[in-house]
Protein backbone atom coordinates (compact mmCIF):
# COMPACT_ATOMS: atom_id res chain seq x y z
CA UNK A 1 24.85 69.69 -59.38
CA UNK A 2 22.18 68.08 -57.34
CA UNK A 3 18.44 66.88 -57.92
CA UNK A 4 15.77 64.60 -56.57
CA UNK A 5 12.61 62.96 -58.61
CA UNK A 6 9.77 60.55 -57.33
CA UNK A 7 10.79 57.06 -57.42
CA UNK A 8 10.15 55.35 -60.83
CA UNK A 9 6.38 55.08 -61.61
CA UNK A 10 5.80 51.52 -63.69
CA UNK A 11 2.77 53.65 -65.34
CA UNK A 12 4.58 56.94 -66.24
CA UNK A 13 6.69 55.11 -68.88
CA UNK A 14 7.50 55.06 -72.74
CA UNK A 15 8.55 52.74 -74.50
CA UNK A 16 12.49 52.31 -75.78
CA UNK A 17 12.72 54.17 -79.01
CA UNK A 18 15.31 52.27 -80.89
CA UNK A 19 15.23 55.05 -83.79
CA UNK A 20 16.66 57.88 -82.02
CA UNK A 21 19.83 59.32 -83.66
CA UNK A 22 22.35 62.15 -83.52
CA UNK A 23 25.70 62.78 -84.81
CA UNK A 24 26.00 65.45 -83.10
CA UNK A 25 29.60 66.17 -81.72
CA UNK A 26 28.11 66.81 -77.75
CA UNK A 27 26.23 63.15 -77.65
CA UNK A 28 29.50 61.64 -79.45
CA UNK A 29 31.72 62.64 -76.72
CA UNK A 30 29.25 62.07 -73.72
CA UNK A 31 29.14 58.31 -75.48
CA UNK A 32 32.67 57.72 -75.27
CA UNK A 33 32.89 59.03 -71.63
CA UNK A 34 30.29 56.69 -70.88
CA UNK A 35 31.98 53.75 -73.00
CA UNK A 36 34.78 53.99 -71.06
CA UNK A 37 33.87 54.58 -67.41
CA UNK A 38 30.71 52.03 -68.09
CA UNK A 39 33.86 49.19 -69.49
CA UNK A 40 31.80 48.80 -72.64
CA UNK A 41 34.98 47.47 -74.42
CA UNK A 42 34.42 44.25 -72.85
CA UNK A 43 31.45 43.77 -74.96
CA UNK A 44 33.26 44.06 -78.56
CA UNK A 45 33.08 40.97 -80.60
CA UNK A 46 36.25 38.92 -80.66
CA UNK A 47 36.52 37.87 -83.91
CA UNK A 48 36.71 39.57 -87.38
CA UNK A 49 32.89 39.68 -88.17
CA UNK A 50 31.68 43.13 -88.14
CA UNK A 51 27.90 43.57 -86.81
CA UNK A 52 25.77 45.60 -88.22
CA UNK A 53 25.87 48.10 -85.31
CA UNK A 54 28.83 48.54 -83.21
CA UNK A 55 28.58 48.57 -78.95
CA UNK A 56 29.06 52.54 -79.00
CA UNK A 57 26.32 53.05 -81.54
CA UNK A 58 23.90 50.86 -79.60
CA UNK A 59 25.14 52.71 -76.20
CA UNK A 60 24.33 56.32 -78.62
CA UNK A 61 20.90 55.12 -78.99
CA UNK A 62 19.98 54.39 -75.63
CA UNK A 63 21.66 57.57 -74.25
CA UNK A 64 19.51 59.41 -76.51
CA UNK A 65 16.41 57.86 -75.40
CA UNK A 66 17.15 58.52 -72.01
CA UNK A 67 18.18 62.44 -72.81
CA UNK A 68 15.04 62.87 -75.27
CA UNK A 69 12.95 61.40 -72.16
CA UNK A 70 14.88 63.67 -69.75
CA UNK A 71 14.28 66.88 -71.84
CA UNK A 72 10.98 66.12 -72.52
CA UNK A 73 10.04 64.95 -68.30
CA UNK A 74 12.81 64.08 -66.12
CA UNK A 75 10.40 61.52 -64.40
CA UNK A 76 9.46 59.60 -67.09
CA UNK A 77 11.10 56.01 -67.41
CA UNK A 78 12.05 53.66 -70.29
CA UNK A 79 10.04 50.65 -71.11
CA UNK A 80 13.06 48.33 -71.24
CA UNK A 81 12.48 44.91 -72.85
CA UNK A 82 15.46 42.40 -71.67
CA UNK A 83 14.20 39.67 -74.26
CA UNK A 84 16.82 38.90 -76.98
CA UNK A 85 13.60 38.56 -79.24
CA UNK A 86 12.72 41.99 -78.64
CA UNK A 87 15.99 43.28 -80.56
CA UNK A 88 15.67 41.86 -84.14
CA UNK A 89 18.53 42.76 -86.46
CA UNK A 90 16.58 41.97 -89.74
CA UNK A 91 13.15 43.49 -88.27
CA UNK A 92 11.23 45.78 -90.74
CA UNK A 93 10.46 47.97 -87.10
CA UNK A 94 14.36 47.95 -86.23
CA UNK A 95 15.65 50.63 -88.89
CA UNK A 96 18.62 51.04 -87.00
CA UNK A 97 19.46 47.35 -86.24
CA UNK A 98 19.62 47.80 -83.18
CA UNK A 99 20.92 44.39 -81.43
CA UNK A 100 20.16 42.17 -78.31
CA UNK A 101 23.73 43.16 -76.88
CA UNK A 102 21.94 46.62 -76.01
CA UNK A 103 20.35 44.51 -73.19
CA UNK A 104 24.35 44.11 -72.06
CA UNK A 105 25.23 47.75 -72.96
CA UNK A 106 22.22 49.00 -70.05
CA UNK A 107 23.57 46.48 -67.56
CA UNK A 108 26.88 48.17 -67.79
CA UNK A 109 25.67 51.41 -67.36
CA UNK A 110 23.24 50.20 -64.50
CA UNK A 111 26.55 48.80 -62.95
CA UNK A 112 28.52 52.07 -63.25
CA UNK A 113 25.49 54.15 -61.63
CA UNK A 114 24.37 55.90 -64.90
CA UNK A 115 21.08 54.02 -64.73
CA UNK A 116 18.43 53.16 -62.31
CA UNK A 117 15.98 49.96 -62.87
CA UNK A 118 12.55 48.84 -61.34
CA UNK A 119 12.82 45.10 -62.19
CA UNK A 120 10.22 43.53 -64.88
CA UNK A 121 6.72 42.27 -63.58
CA UNK A 122 5.26 38.77 -65.12
CA UNK A 123 1.90 37.27 -64.25
CA UNK A 124 0.28 34.26 -65.57
CA UNK A 125 -3.04 35.37 -64.49
CA UNK A 126 -4.33 37.14 -67.63
CA UNK A 127 -6.08 39.38 -65.10
CA UNK A 128 -3.22 41.32 -64.28
CA UNK A 129 -0.82 43.05 -66.74
CA UNK A 130 2.61 42.04 -67.07
CA UNK A 131 5.57 44.79 -67.17
CA UNK A 132 8.71 45.17 -68.95
CA UNK A 133 11.88 46.50 -66.75
CA UNK A 134 11.60 49.89 -66.26
CA UNK A 135 15.01 51.98 -67.06
CA UNK A 136 15.64 55.87 -66.38
CA UNK A 137 18.47 58.27 -65.54
CA UNK A 138 20.55 58.49 -62.54
CA UNK A 139 21.58 61.90 -61.09
CA UNK A 140 24.97 61.13 -61.98
CA UNK A 141 24.15 60.73 -65.68
CA UNK A 142 21.65 63.68 -65.09
CA UNK A 143 24.38 66.31 -64.11
CA UNK A 144 26.14 65.31 -67.39
CA UNK A 145 22.95 65.95 -69.23
CA UNK A 146 22.72 69.52 -67.89
CA UNK A 147 26.10 70.23 -69.49
CA UNK A 148 24.74 69.66 -72.85
CA UNK A 149 23.63 72.07 -75.41
CA UNK A 150 22.19 69.45 -78.47
CA UNK A 151 18.28 70.33 -78.61
CA UNK A 152 15.62 68.26 -79.68
CA UNK A 153 15.92 69.65 -82.95
CA UNK A 154 19.30 68.08 -83.37
CA UNK A 155 18.24 64.72 -82.66
CA UNK A 156 16.36 62.31 -85.36
CA UNK A 157 13.92 60.42 -83.07
CA UNK A 158 12.82 58.75 -86.03
CA UNK A 159 15.98 57.82 -87.84
CA UNK A 160 15.25 54.87 -90.65
CA UNK A 161 11.54 54.48 -88.91
CA UNK A 162 8.95 52.29 -90.97
CA UNK A 163 5.73 54.12 -91.94
CA UNK A 164 3.82 51.58 -92.58
CA UNK A 165 2.62 49.58 -90.02
CA UNK A 166 0.87 45.87 -90.12
CA UNK A 167 -0.92 44.69 -87.14
CA UNK A 168 -2.55 41.60 -86.31
CA UNK A 169 -6.22 43.39 -85.35
CA UNK A 170 -6.99 46.66 -84.60
CA UNK A 171 -6.57 48.48 -81.27
CA UNK A 172 -7.69 51.76 -80.42
CA UNK A 173 -4.31 52.52 -79.80
CA UNK A 174 -1.76 51.81 -82.27
CA UNK A 175 1.01 51.94 -79.75
CA UNK A 176 -0.48 49.55 -77.29
CA UNK A 177 1.76 47.85 -75.04
CA UNK A 178 1.19 44.53 -76.90
CA UNK A 179 3.47 43.17 -79.31
CA UNK A 180 0.91 43.45 -82.22
CA UNK A 181 2.94 44.76 -84.92
CA UNK A 182 3.28 42.01 -88.36
CA UNK A 183 6.80 41.49 -90.22
CA UNK A 184 6.15 41.79 -93.58
CA UNK A 185 8.44 41.00 -96.82
CA UNK A 186 8.14 41.95 -100.12
CA UNK A 187 8.38 38.84 -101.49
CA UNK A 188 5.51 37.77 -99.39
CA UNK A 189 3.33 40.12 -101.16
CA UNK A 190 1.85 40.09 -104.66
CA UNK A 191 3.23 42.26 -107.57
CA UNK A 192 0.38 45.18 -107.31
CA UNK A 193 0.90 44.84 -103.28
CA UNK A 194 4.41 45.41 -103.60
CA UNK A 195 3.47 48.76 -105.72
CA UNK A 196 0.80 50.01 -103.74
CA UNK A 197 2.85 50.01 -100.70
CA UNK A 198 6.13 51.55 -102.42
CA UNK A 199 3.88 54.35 -103.60
CA UNK A 200 2.25 54.80 -100.09
CA UNK A 201 5.54 55.12 -98.34
CA UNK A 202 6.81 57.39 -100.20
CA UNK A 203 3.98 59.70 -100.16
CA UNK A 204 4.17 59.50 -96.32
CA UNK A 205 7.70 60.16 -96.21
CA UNK A 206 7.16 63.10 -98.35
CA UNK A 207 4.81 64.29 -96.03
CA UNK A 208 6.72 63.29 -92.42
CA UNK A 209 9.77 65.14 -94.16
CA UNK A 210 7.08 68.24 -94.49
CA UNK A 211 5.92 68.33 -90.92
CA UNK A 212 9.65 68.01 -89.81
CA UNK A 213 10.02 71.52 -91.35
CA UNK A 214 6.39 73.10 -90.18
CA UNK A 215 6.12 74.67 -87.07
CA UNK A 216 3.27 73.25 -85.27
CA UNK A 217 2.37 74.77 -81.94
CA UNK A 218 -0.34 76.13 -79.13
CA UNK A 219 0.57 79.61 -78.47
CA UNK A 220 -1.16 79.81 -75.02
CA UNK A 221 1.27 77.22 -73.70
CA UNK A 222 3.92 77.95 -71.59
CA UNK A 223 5.66 74.76 -72.08
CA UNK A 224 6.45 72.62 -74.85
CA UNK A 225 4.94 69.36 -72.99
CA UNK A 226 1.65 68.98 -70.97
CA UNK A 227 -0.06 66.20 -68.92
CA UNK A 228 -3.77 64.27 -70.34
CA UNK A 229 -5.31 61.56 -68.68
CA UNK A 230 -5.73 59.00 -71.23
CA UNK A 231 -9.54 58.41 -71.56
CA UNK A 232 -9.86 55.09 -73.78
CA UNK A 233 -8.11 51.68 -74.58
CA UNK A 234 -6.34 49.39 -71.92
CA UNK A 235 -4.22 52.62 -70.46
CA UNK A 236 -7.55 54.42 -69.57
CA UNK A 237 -6.88 56.73 -66.60
CA UNK A 238 -3.29 56.69 -66.79
CA UNK A 239 -1.33 59.71 -67.09
CA UNK A 240 0.62 60.71 -70.24
CA UNK A 241 3.17 63.50 -71.18
CA UNK A 242 2.64 64.99 -74.53
CA UNK A 243 5.38 66.26 -76.38
CA UNK A 244 4.39 69.46 -78.77
CA UNK A 245 7.95 69.42 -80.25
CA UNK A 246 9.64 68.02 -83.23
CA UNK A 247 10.01 64.29 -81.61
CA UNK A 248 6.00 64.09 -81.49
CA UNK A 249 5.27 64.59 -85.37
CA UNK A 250 6.32 61.44 -87.04
CA UNK A 251 3.06 59.89 -88.77
CA UNK A 252 2.53 56.07 -89.46
CA UNK A 253 -0.47 54.31 -91.65
CA UNK A 254 -1.59 51.46 -89.39
CA UNK A 255 -3.12 48.49 -91.40
CA UNK A 256 -5.01 45.79 -90.13
CA UNK A 257 -6.13 41.89 -89.85
CA UNK A 258 -2.31 41.12 -91.06
CA UNK A 259 -1.47 39.88 -94.63
CA UNK A 260 -5.05 37.80 -94.91
CA UNK A 261 -6.54 41.62 -94.76
CA UNK A 262 -4.12 42.43 -98.19
CA UNK A 263 -4.15 45.99 -97.11
CA UNK A 264 -7.74 46.77 -97.51
CA UNK A 265 -8.27 47.35 -93.77
CA UNK A 266 -7.72 49.91 -91.33
CA UNK A 267 -4.67 52.05 -92.95
CA UNK A 268 -5.75 54.57 -90.98
CA UNK A 269 -2.79 57.50 -90.03
CA UNK A 270 -1.78 57.33 -86.56
CA UNK A 271 0.91 59.35 -84.08
CA UNK A 272 1.49 63.38 -84.26
CA UNK A 273 0.30 65.27 -81.14
CA UNK A 274 -2.74 66.96 -82.34
CA UNK A 275 -4.10 63.27 -82.40
CA UNK A 276 -3.56 63.13 -78.80
CA UNK A 277 -4.71 66.59 -77.02
CA UNK A 278 -8.87 67.16 -76.73
CA UNK A 279 -10.71 68.72 -79.63
CA UNK A 280 -10.69 71.80 -77.58
CA UNK A 281 -7.24 72.41 -77.30
CA UNK A 282 -6.95 71.30 -80.97
CA UNK A 283 -8.67 74.65 -82.15
CA UNK A 284 -5.95 76.57 -80.57
CA UNK A 285 -3.10 75.10 -83.06
CA UNK A 286 -1.14 76.97 -84.86
CA UNK A 287 0.80 76.16 -88.55
CA UNK A 288 3.50 78.50 -88.79
CA UNK A 289 2.39 81.11 -86.60
CA UNK A 290 -0.94 81.03 -88.16
CA UNK A 291 -4.58 80.12 -86.85
CA UNK A 292 -6.23 76.93 -88.29
CA UNK A 293 -9.67 75.30 -88.92
CA UNK A 294 -10.57 71.94 -88.47
CA UNK A 295 -12.92 70.51 -90.77
CA UNK A 296 -14.51 67.31 -90.25
CA UNK A 297 -17.22 64.93 -91.99
CA UNK A 298 -20.70 64.70 -91.18
CA UNK A 299 -21.43 61.40 -89.66
CA UNK A 300 -18.94 59.97 -91.75
CA UNK A 301 -19.26 56.31 -91.23
CA UNK A 302 -23.07 56.02 -90.88
CA UNK A 303 -23.33 58.26 -93.91
CA UNK A 304 -20.93 56.48 -95.87
CA UNK A 305 -22.75 53.05 -95.16
CA UNK A 306 -26.12 54.62 -96.03
CA UNK A 307 -24.91 55.88 -99.29
CA UNK A 308 -23.74 52.55 -100.09
CA UNK A 309 -27.29 51.40 -99.43
CA UNK A 310 -28.84 53.74 -101.82
CA UNK A 311 -30.14 56.21 -99.26
CA UNK A 312 -29.12 59.63 -97.98
CA UNK A 313 -29.16 60.23 -94.37
CA UNK A 314 -31.12 62.89 -93.02
CA UNK A 315 -29.15 66.09 -91.10
CA UNK A 316 -29.36 64.60 -87.67
CA UNK A 317 -29.83 61.05 -87.87
CA UNK A 318 -29.21 60.63 -84.16
CA UNK A 319 -32.03 62.55 -83.45
CA UNK A 320 -35.35 59.98 -83.12
CA UNK A 321 -38.12 62.26 -81.83
CA UNK A 322 -39.72 61.15 -78.98
CA UNK A 323 -38.21 59.51 -76.26
CA UNK A 324 -38.05 55.77 -75.87
CA UNK A 325 -37.19 55.18 -72.45
CA UNK A 326 -38.22 58.20 -70.79
CA UNK A 327 -37.78 56.86 -67.27
CA UNK A 328 -34.33 56.33 -67.70
CA UNK A 329 -33.24 58.68 -70.14
CA UNK A 330 -35.25 61.68 -69.70
CA UNK A 331 -34.01 64.40 -72.27
CA UNK A 332 -33.52 64.37 -76.06
CA UNK A 333 -30.33 65.33 -75.60
CA UNK A 334 -29.05 62.65 -73.62
CA UNK A 335 -31.03 60.25 -75.90
CA UNK A 336 -29.13 61.58 -79.45
CA UNK A 337 -25.82 61.23 -77.64
CA UNK A 338 -26.76 58.01 -76.83
CA UNK A 339 -28.10 56.88 -79.80
CA UNK A 340 -25.00 58.17 -81.29
CA UNK A 341 -22.67 56.39 -79.63
CA UNK A 342 -24.33 53.18 -80.03
CA UNK A 343 -24.36 53.45 -83.84
CA UNK A 344 -20.63 53.90 -83.44
CA UNK A 345 -20.31 50.98 -81.86
CA UNK A 346 -22.55 48.94 -83.97
CA UNK A 347 -20.25 50.28 -86.84
CA UNK A 348 -17.37 48.85 -85.09
CA UNK A 349 -18.46 45.69 -83.50
CA UNK A 350 -19.37 42.78 -84.97
CA UNK A 351 -21.91 41.05 -82.48
CA UNK A 352 -25.23 43.00 -80.57
CA UNK A 353 -23.34 41.84 -77.51
CA UNK A 354 -20.17 43.11 -77.68
CA UNK A 355 -21.70 46.38 -79.17
CA UNK A 356 -24.12 46.99 -75.90
CA UNK A 357 -20.51 45.95 -73.60
CA UNK A 358 -18.37 48.29 -75.65
CA UNK A 359 -20.97 50.96 -75.61
CA UNK A 360 -21.42 50.62 -71.38
CA UNK A 361 -17.59 50.47 -71.04
CA UNK A 362 -17.14 53.22 -72.76
CA UNK A 363 -17.63 55.93 -69.98
CA UNK A 364 -18.07 54.36 -66.78
CA UNK A 365 -18.40 57.64 -64.78
CA UNK A 366 -21.98 58.14 -67.11
CA UNK A 367 -24.09 56.06 -64.50
CA UNK A 368 -26.69 56.14 -66.43
CA UNK A 369 -25.35 54.74 -69.75
CA UNK A 370 -23.76 51.99 -68.03
CA UNK A 371 -26.35 51.07 -66.38
CA UNK A 372 -28.54 50.18 -69.43
CA UNK A 373 -29.48 46.85 -70.26
CA UNK A 374 -28.82 44.81 -73.43
CA UNK A 375 -32.75 44.91 -73.90
CA UNK A 376 -32.96 48.69 -73.55
CA UNK A 377 -29.88 49.44 -75.52
CA UNK A 378 -31.92 47.15 -78.48
CA UNK A 379 -34.67 49.51 -77.73
CA UNK A 380 -32.91 52.74 -78.67
CA UNK A 381 -31.23 50.77 -81.53
CA UNK A 382 -34.40 49.81 -82.95
CA UNK A 383 -35.47 52.96 -83.07
CA UNK A 384 -32.65 54.33 -84.94
CA UNK A 385 -33.53 51.60 -87.62
CA UNK A 386 -37.29 52.03 -87.70
CA UNK A 387 -35.85 56.02 -88.72
CA UNK A 388 -33.36 54.44 -91.04
CA UNK A 389 -34.45 51.01 -92.42
CA UNK A 390 -31.42 50.96 -94.49
CA UNK A 391 -29.49 49.82 -91.90
CA UNK A 392 -31.27 46.77 -90.50
CA UNK A 393 -29.22 43.75 -91.09
CA UNK A 394 -26.02 46.14 -91.54
CA UNK A 395 -25.02 47.58 -87.80
CA UNK A 396 -22.94 45.09 -85.28
CA UNK A 397 -21.64 43.05 -88.21
CA UNK A 398 -17.83 44.11 -88.34
CA UNK A 399 -17.89 47.15 -90.84
CA UNK A 400 -15.26 48.90 -89.07
CA UNK A 401 -12.01 47.87 -90.59
CA UNK A 402 -13.47 48.53 -93.74
CA UNK A 403 -15.01 51.86 -93.52
CA UNK A 404 -11.44 52.87 -91.64
CA UNK A 405 -9.90 52.29 -94.77
CA UNK A 406 -11.88 54.00 -97.30
CA UNK A 407 -12.07 56.96 -94.62
CA UNK A 408 -8.06 56.29 -94.85
CA UNK A 409 -7.62 56.52 -98.67
CA UNK A 410 -9.61 59.97 -98.33
CA UNK A 411 -7.14 60.95 -95.85
CA UNK A 412 -4.41 59.79 -97.96
CA UNK A 413 -5.57 61.83 -101.19
CA UNK A 414 -5.90 65.18 -99.23
CA UNK A 415 -2.51 64.61 -97.96
CA UNK A 416 -0.56 64.22 -101.17
CA UNK A 417 -2.18 66.87 -102.61
CA UNK A 418 -1.23 69.83 -100.13
CA UNK A 419 1.99 67.74 -99.61
CA UNK A 420 2.87 68.38 -103.30
CA UNK A 421 1.92 72.17 -102.71
CA UNK A 422 3.90 72.19 -99.52
CA UNK A 423 0.80 73.13 -97.33
CA UNK A 424 0.68 71.12 -94.02
CA UNK A 425 -1.96 69.63 -93.03
CA UNK A 426 -3.20 67.62 -90.26
CA UNK A 427 -5.09 64.70 -89.91
CA UNK A 428 -7.33 63.17 -87.27
CA UNK A 429 -8.91 59.95 -89.10
CA UNK A 430 -11.77 61.98 -91.03
CA UNK A 431 -10.67 65.52 -89.92
CA UNK A 432 -8.35 68.24 -90.76
CA UNK A 433 -6.74 70.93 -89.78
CA UNK A 434 -5.13 73.22 -92.14
CA UNK A 435 -4.15 77.36 -91.94
CA UNK A 436 -7.62 78.97 -91.97
CA UNK A 437 -6.55 80.69 -95.52
CA UNK A 438 -6.45 77.42 -96.94
CA UNK A 439 -10.20 76.22 -95.83
CA UNK A 440 -11.93 76.53 -98.89
CA UNK A 441 -9.62 74.44 -101.31
CA UNK A 442 -9.15 72.06 -98.46
CA UNK A 443 -13.06 71.52 -98.50
CA UNK A 444 -13.16 71.44 -102.57
CA UNK A 445 -10.32 68.88 -102.34
CA UNK A 446 -12.31 66.83 -99.70
CA UNK A 447 -15.49 66.95 -101.88
CA UNK A 448 -13.14 65.36 -104.85
CA UNK A 449 -11.44 63.32 -103.02
CA UNK A 450 -14.61 61.54 -101.35
CA UNK A 451 -16.29 61.17 -104.61
CA UNK A 452 -13.47 59.52 -106.51
CA UNK A 453 -13.22 57.11 -103.34
CA UNK A 454 -17.00 56.67 -102.84
CA UNK A 455 -18.76 57.82 -105.77
CA UNK A 456 -20.69 60.27 -103.36
CA UNK A 457 -20.51 63.06 -101.09
CA UNK A 458 -20.86 63.69 -97.68
CA UNK A 459 -21.23 66.67 -95.84
CA UNK A 460 -18.70 68.35 -93.80
CA UNK A 461 -18.26 71.22 -91.20
CA UNK A 462 -15.92 73.58 -89.50
CA UNK A 463 -15.33 73.14 -85.92
CA UNK A 464 -13.90 76.01 -84.61
CA UNK A 465 -15.60 79.09 -83.00
CA UNK A 466 -14.88 82.46 -85.15
CA UNK A 467 -15.32 85.86 -85.23
CA UNK A 468 -18.45 86.77 -87.33
CA UNK A 469 -18.69 90.16 -89.15
CA UNK A 470 -21.18 91.70 -91.61
CA UNK A 471 -20.18 94.02 -94.25
CA UNK A 472 -22.23 95.39 -97.43
CA UNK A 473 -20.59 94.19 -100.76
CA UNK A 474 -21.53 95.76 -104.21
CA UNK A 475 -20.44 95.39 -107.90
CA UNK A 476 -21.29 94.22 -111.78
CA UNK A 477 -22.60 90.98 -110.57
CA UNK A 478 -25.92 90.06 -110.96
CA UNK A 479 -27.82 90.42 -107.35
CA UNK A 480 -25.27 92.92 -106.35
CA UNK A 481 -25.81 95.78 -108.30
CA UNK A 482 -27.02 97.36 -104.65
CA UNK A 483 -25.10 96.79 -101.53
CA UNK A 484 -26.00 93.40 -100.28
CA UNK A 485 -25.32 92.58 -96.69
CA UNK A 486 -23.17 89.67 -96.29
CA UNK A 487 -21.54 87.45 -93.08
CA UNK A 488 -17.94 86.45 -93.06
CA UNK A 489 -15.53 85.35 -90.50
CA UNK A 490 -12.07 85.63 -88.97
CA UNK A 491 -10.33 83.16 -86.90
CA UNK A 492 -10.32 83.78 -83.52
CA UNK A 493 -6.33 84.56 -82.76
CA UNK A 494 -4.29 83.69 -79.59
CA UNK A 495 -1.86 86.17 -77.83
CA UNK A 496 1.32 84.35 -77.72
CA UNK A 497 3.09 83.46 -74.87
CA UNK A 498 6.83 84.09 -73.93
CA UNK A 499 7.27 80.65 -73.81
CA UNK A 500 5.88 80.11 -77.56
CA UNK A 501 7.69 83.20 -79.08
CA UNK A 502 10.98 81.64 -77.94
CA UNK A 503 10.38 77.84 -79.13
CA UNK A 504 8.94 79.80 -82.53
CA UNK A 505 12.50 81.72 -82.47
CA UNK A 506 14.38 77.91 -81.98
CA UNK A 507 12.75 76.56 -84.41
CA UNK A 508 13.47 79.24 -87.05
CA UNK A 509 17.00 79.07 -86.18
CA UNK A 510 16.74 74.92 -86.88
CA UNK A 511 15.33 75.72 -90.38
CA UNK A 512 17.91 78.22 -91.44
CA UNK A 513 20.59 75.81 -89.84
CA UNK A 514 19.07 72.79 -91.81
CA UNK A 515 19.06 75.01 -94.90
CA UNK A 516 15.02 74.96 -94.89
CA UNK A 517 13.17 77.75 -96.17
CA UNK A 518 9.73 77.92 -94.09
CA UNK A 519 8.27 79.68 -96.89
CA UNK A 520 8.94 77.00 -99.14
């Protein structure tokens, strides 16, 4: 078998996943062959001391991750860090205890012609990014991969992976390439913090187990992977391959500000492919082959702040009426969009200057927005505060991580409620996707959780376009003695592709072989 791939693209890569594992006999047989042909026996320890992971096990993790990338998109390379400090056997974030010896395993695979490399790049100039070595399967290894029948469902891509992550500070992308994860141990924490984290971890582990046995897909997609352009963060503009498969459903919670944050900063849920796609595509998601609805809070953080200050916001807090910069911002719709973005930036930023700069950097293609000066943006913000004086002195004071912690508490209560009932819900921070027939219960639980956490209620709405119907209702209820015309909605259904039906059948087979019952 022969094939050709483009040269390794440093940008088209994903970090090595040290939590990839399978006991499938095909993988064991393949790794035994590679162990012999690459001469890996020279790496075996000479003394009687047994490491937590053998050379063969390190090889299996590396080969499995190469195989997962090959299944998803053969052109993807792995960001492979050759620094020994990247493989700490006792690290909370190295659940399989993969040792630094994996660096030597990779080197011998490359010498044997199974792996190709693109060398690392290091710059002392902070204007330029440094890159780890990129590695990818060669044609020689791909020929062996092509003989395997093992599927993504047979591979645990998150074996022993920690789901409660601690970061030093907030970044837009929790998988940012910079090493921001902070180690923490139980003896670093108070007794109450240990109890809290054990509870949160147990809840999230149960939720991830539910996601694993849930079929989540988009019926109109002909492939289980697709390309998207990253719109924000340090990787803005890069192409990313998104998998809708079982390798991309694991959810983590990311807390911020290190141990000094005392688990009260951040805490949002991340990962899960539904967070990585555009909102238009989210409306097409099916859960267990049923259409879904997305329910989201209206202006959640501004409403939450305003409620804390004792004032209920108007239905549309961003509509300021008259144009404040008529020579530059020429429509009320444009002004409303800019005010909304500016207020959200003001909640995130800890100074006026940072808020204004973040506003201009948000979308460089919007020439008007990126050209607005600090004075002009100050006028728009002043207009908002004149309409809502309770925000005077509150915006641009670094409220984001505190508010994120509040919305994460609400999200955790919602997810835990439905997980206990074996009903999957997908979370995108302050919005939630659920099977359409469960929407009334979701909205009831949202209200209950919000009131329990904030002592107030914040309105929410359905994002999806739906079919609208009218019909006559009559009965023995006051007001309905005579037929009354009422309006009701049904979801817009999507005609499934053959490929979707194939993925559904494959998932059903996985459930059967795993002993799961999809209906609970």
